[in-house]
Amino acid sequence: MRTSHHRSDAVGEVANQDVHLPIILPKVPGRFYFLFGKPIETEGRKQELKSKEKGQQLYLEVKSEVEKCLAYLKEKRESDPYRNIFARLTYQATHGFHSEVPTFDFTTIILP
């Protein structure tokens, strides 16, 4: 492999250093996981939510719901046999490129 010397004004050991450019390999995109949690009712609570304590309670409720959904999706992602793009492409190559790659069953989601 041939390298070039770009330090034309340098002398000594610094002038003799080879320039090596890194090889950049982009990460292949994985599967996207998303889930809409339970709706949180805010209609008719405008006056109630003007209270700092009530606003904090609502914030904690929303935060808790989002954290539950994220934890659920992370768990499902770890056990997803088609998480890798090559597994999905293999499935589609054997079942037809218009076939949907299986995902986890959404009917088993247990959200309070």
Protein backbone atom coordinates (compact mmCIF):
# COMPACT_ATOMS: atom_id res chain seq x y z
CA MET A 1 0.00 0.00 0.00
CA ARG A 2 1.41 3.35 -0.97
CA THR A 3 1.16 6.29 1.42
CA SER A 4 1.87 9.91 0.72
CA HIS A 5 3.88 12.47 2.62
CA HIS A 6 1.91 15.71 3.03
CA ARG A 7 4.18 17.56 5.43
CA SER A 8 6.44 19.25 2.92
CA ASP A 9 7.58 21.97 5.31
CA ALA A 10 8.45 19.58 8.19
CA VAL A 11 11.93 18.21 8.83
CA GLY A 12 13.36 15.19 10.62
CA GLU A 13 11.20 12.39 12.02
CA VAL A 14 7.99 14.39 11.65
CA ALA A 15 8.61 14.74 7.91
CA ASN A 16 8.98 10.97 7.52
CA GLN A 17 5.64 10.01 9.10
CA ASP A 18 3.17 8.33 6.80
CA VAL A 19 -0.39 9.61 6.54
CA HIS A 20 -2.97 6.86 7.01
CA LEU A 21 -6.60 7.68 6.40
CA PRO A 22 -9.14 5.71 8.44
CA ILE A 23 -11.59 3.45 6.69
CA ILE A 24 -15.10 4.60 7.40
CA LEU A 25 -17.78 1.94 7.49
CA PRO A 26 -21.26 3.28 8.22
CA LYS A 27 -23.43 1.30 10.59
CA VAL A 28 -26.18 -0.62 8.81
CA PRO A 29 -29.54 0.59 10.12
CA GLY A 30 -31.38 -1.80 12.37
CA ARG A 31 -35.06 -2.28 12.85
CA PHE A 32 -37.11 0.58 14.26
CA TYR A 33 -39.21 -0.13 17.33
CA PHE A 34 -42.01 2.17 18.43
CA LEU A 35 -45.08 1.86 20.58
CA PHE A 36 -47.87 4.24 21.47
CA GLY A 37 -48.69 3.94 25.15
CA LYS A 38 -51.99 4.52 26.85
CA PRO A 39 -53.56 7.94 26.26
CA ILE A 40 -53.24 10.37 29.16
CA GLU A 41 -56.32 12.52 29.50
CA THR A 42 -55.64 16.25 29.91
CA GLU A 43 -58.89 17.65 28.55
CA GLY A 44 -60.80 19.61 31.16
CA ARG A 45 -57.80 19.73 33.51
CA LYS A 46 -56.50 23.16 32.48
CA GLN A 47 -57.25 24.85 35.81
CA GLU A 48 -56.11 21.83 37.78
CA LEU A 49 -52.78 21.73 35.94
CA LYS A 50 -51.99 25.34 36.78
CA SER A 51 -50.99 24.01 40.18
CA LYS A 52 -47.28 23.19 40.29
CA GLU A 53 -47.91 20.00 42.29
CA LYS A 54 -50.60 18.74 39.88
CA GLY A 55 -48.36 19.57 36.92
CA GLN A 56 -45.55 17.60 38.53
CA GLN A 57 -47.90 14.65 39.07
CA LEU A 58 -48.90 14.68 35.40
CA TYR A 59 -45.25 14.94 34.37
CA LEU A 60 -44.36 11.92 36.50
CA GLU A 61 -47.31 9.97 35.06
CA VAL A 62 -46.20 10.72 31.49
CA LYS A 63 -42.57 9.95 32.33
CA SER A 64 -43.54 6.62 33.91
CA GLU A 65 -45.62 5.63 30.88
CA VAL A 66 -42.81 6.47 28.46
CA GLU A 67 -40.28 4.54 30.57
CA LYS A 68 -42.57 1.48 30.65
CA CYS A 69 -42.97 1.55 26.87
CA LEU A 70 -39.22 1.94 26.33
CA ALA A 71 -38.42 -0.92 28.72
CA TYR A 72 -40.94 -3.14 26.93
CA LEU A 73 -39.50 -2.32 23.51
CA LYS A 74 -35.92 -2.87 24.66
CA GLU A 75 -36.88 -6.30 25.98
CA LYS A 76 -38.60 -7.20 22.71
CA ARG A 77 -35.69 -5.85 20.66
CA GLU A 78 -33.22 -8.13 22.46
CA SER A 79 -35.28 -11.22 21.64
CA ASP A 80 -36.11 -10.21 18.04
CA PRO A 81 -34.66 -12.81 15.64
CA TYR A 82 -35.05 -10.34 12.74
CA ARG A 83 -33.32 -7.39 14.42
CA ASN A 84 -30.34 -7.67 12.06
CA ILE A 85 -30.86 -6.45 8.49
CA PHE A 86 -29.28 -9.61 7.08
CA ALA A 87 -31.82 -11.81 8.88
CA ARG A 88 -34.65 -9.67 7.47
CA LEU A 89 -33.20 -9.80 3.96
CA THR A 90 -32.80 -13.58 4.19
CA TYR A 91 -36.43 -13.91 5.30
CA GLN A 92 -37.62 -11.76 2.42
CA ALA A 93 -35.42 -13.59 -0.08
CA THR A 94 -36.98 -16.90 0.92
CA HIS A 95 -40.58 -15.66 1.34
CA GLY A 96 -40.72 -12.99 -1.37
CA PHE A 97 -39.68 -9.37 -1.16
CA HIS A 98 -43.26 -8.17 -0.73
CA SER A 99 -43.81 -10.31 2.37
CA GLU A 100 -43.70 -8.64 5.77
CA VAL A 101 -40.99 -9.75 8.16
CA PRO A 102 -42.61 -11.07 11.36
CA THR A 103 -42.56 -8.99 14.50
CA PHE A 104 -43.61 -9.64 18.08
CA ASP A 105 -47.28 -10.04 18.91
CA PHE A 106 -48.83 -6.73 19.94
CA THR A 107 -51.90 -8.43 21.41
CA THR A 108 -49.81 -9.66 24.34
CA ILE A 109 -48.85 -6.15 25.47
CA ILE A 110 -49.87 -5.63 29.06
CA LEU A 111 -50.05 -1.94 29.81
CA PRO A 112 -51.88 -0.65 32.86
